[in-house]
């Protein structure tokens, strides 16, 4: 009794080592938006793996706050999270002076090949 929370059914696990756990779908959405800055935030979330109902299919009158993903999180909340992650990455990378943002997979310490 009282052995802690049950493991998640989607296979996601909290990482150790002092890093916050990050939803792999959001990581993919960030990568998609970095690869194509013209991509709509909602479409980047879909590319990342989030599932939202098609608002064109009888969803007249629904706002983005009303559209929920498979985890019952609103499209607005997911978009806010995505845009916040992008903003944080830009601020972190502004020290280079270019304003360009390297995808997380290309950053030092994230598996990128060194010189």
Protein backbone atom coordinates (compact mmCIF):
# COMPACT_ATOMS: atom_id res chain seq x y z
CA UNK A 1 0.00 0.00 0.00
CA UNK A 2 1.19 3.51 -0.79
CA UNK A 3 3.87 2.60 -3.32
CA UNK A 4 3.58 5.89 -5.25
CA UNK A 5 1.85 6.71 -8.50
CA UNK A 6 1.18 4.03 -11.06
CA UNK A 7 3.40 4.04 -14.15
CA UNK A 8 2.01 5.95 -17.12
CA UNK A 9 0.46 3.82 -19.81
CA UNK A 10 2.11 5.85 -22.62
CA UNK A 11 5.58 4.77 -21.51
CA UNK A 12 6.66 8.28 -20.48
CA UNK A 13 8.98 8.38 -17.50
CA UNK A 14 10.43 11.10 -15.37
CA UNK A 15 14.12 11.59 -16.07
CA UNK A 16 16.65 11.58 -13.30
CA UNK A 17 19.62 13.88 -12.98
CA UNK A 18 17.92 17.10 -11.96
CA UNK A 19 16.18 17.70 -15.29
CA UNK A 20 12.47 18.25 -15.50
CA UNK A 21 10.44 15.64 -17.30
CA UNK A 22 9.50 16.74 -20.79
CA UNK A 23 6.64 15.32 -22.85
CA UNK A 24 8.22 13.81 -25.98
CA UNK A 25 5.25 15.05 -28.03
CA UNK A 26 6.03 18.64 -26.99
CA UNK A 27 9.70 18.07 -27.79
CA UNK A 28 8.70 16.94 -31.30
CA UNK A 29 6.37 19.93 -31.66
CA UNK A 30 9.22 22.28 -30.70
CA UNK A 31 11.50 20.58 -33.24
CA UNK A 32 8.82 20.86 -35.94
CA UNK A 33 8.32 24.57 -35.30
CA UNK A 34 12.07 25.22 -35.24
CA UNK A 35 12.47 23.37 -38.53
CA UNK A 36 9.59 25.36 -40.11
CA UNK A 37 8.96 28.69 -38.33
CA UNK A 38 6.00 29.34 -40.64
CA UNK A 39 4.21 26.27 -39.28
CA UNK A 40 1.07 27.10 -37.31
CA UNK A 41 1.41 26.29 -33.60
CA UNK A 42 -1.62 23.99 -33.65
CA UNK A 43 -0.21 22.11 -36.64
CA UNK A 44 3.19 21.80 -34.91
CA UNK A 45 1.39 20.22 -31.95
CA UNK A 46 -0.32 17.73 -34.28
CA UNK A 47 3.03 16.93 -35.93
CA UNK A 48 4.42 16.35 -32.43
CA UNK A 49 1.76 13.74 -31.78
CA UNK A 50 -1.02 15.55 -29.94
CA UNK A 51 -4.49 14.52 -31.05
CA UNK A 52 -7.15 17.20 -31.30
CA UNK A 53 -10.56 16.73 -32.90
CA UNK A 54 -11.00 18.46 -36.24
CA UNK A 55 -12.86 21.71 -35.45
CA UNK A 56 -14.38 21.65 -38.94
CA UNK A 57 -16.26 18.45 -38.17
CA UNK A 58 -19.35 19.82 -36.42
CA UNK A 59 -17.41 21.95 -33.96
CA UNK A 60 -19.03 25.24 -34.95
CA UNK A 61 -18.85 27.76 -32.15
CA UNK A 62 -15.98 26.01 -30.34
CA UNK A 63 -13.08 28.15 -29.17
CA UNK A 64 -9.53 26.89 -28.76
CA UNK A 65 -10.22 26.68 -25.03
CA UNK A 66 -13.03 24.23 -25.76
CA UNK A 67 -10.98 21.93 -28.01
CA UNK A 68 -9.35 19.28 -25.81
CA UNK A 69 -6.66 16.76 -26.69
CA UNK A 70 -6.67 13.10 -25.68
CA UNK A 71 -5.37 14.11 -22.22
CA UNK A 72 -8.21 16.65 -21.74
CA UNK A 73 -5.83 19.62 -22.07
CA UNK A 74 -7.08 22.54 -24.13
CA UNK A 75 -5.53 23.54 -27.43
CA UNK A 76 -4.95 27.00 -25.94
CA UNK A 77 -2.97 25.54 -23.05
CA UNK A 78 -0.84 23.35 -25.35
CA UNK A 79 -0.15 26.29 -27.69
CA UNK A 80 0.84 28.49 -24.75
CA UNK A 81 3.25 25.80 -23.56
CA UNK A 82 4.76 25.40 -27.04
CA UNK A 83 5.21 29.15 -27.52
CA UNK A 84 6.70 29.49 -24.03
CA UNK A 85 9.23 26.73 -24.78
CA UNK A 86 10.20 28.47 -28.04
CA UNK A 87 10.52 31.83 -26.28
CA UNK A 88 12.75 30.33 -23.56
CA UNK A 89 14.96 28.70 -26.20
CA UNK A 90 15.30 31.99 -28.10
CA UNK A 91 16.24 33.87 -24.94
CA UNK A 92 18.76 31.21 -24.03
CA UNK A 93 20.34 31.39 -27.49
CA UNK A 94 20.28 35.20 -27.77
CA UNK A 95 23.79 35.31 -26.36
CA UNK A 96 25.05 34.35 -29.83
CA UNK A 97 23.78 37.62 -31.29
CA UNK A 98 22.11 35.88 -34.22
CA UNK A 99 18.73 35.21 -32.66
CA UNK A 100 18.77 31.85 -34.44
CA UNK A 101 17.67 28.87 -32.40
CA UNK A 102 19.39 25.53 -32.79
CA UNK A 103 17.14 22.49 -32.36
CA UNK A 104 17.64 20.76 -29.00
CA UNK A 105 19.25 17.80 -30.76
CA UNK A 106 21.99 20.12 -32.07
CA UNK A 107 22.85 21.76 -28.75
CA UNK A 108 25.98 20.86 -26.77
CA UNK A 109 25.46 18.02 -24.35
CA UNK A 110 22.44 16.68 -26.25
CA UNK A 111 24.11 14.08 -28.41
CA UNK A 112 25.50 16.46 -31.02
CA UNK A 113 28.83 15.44 -32.52
CA UNK A 114 31.68 17.52 -31.17
CA UNK A 115 34.71 18.90 -33.02
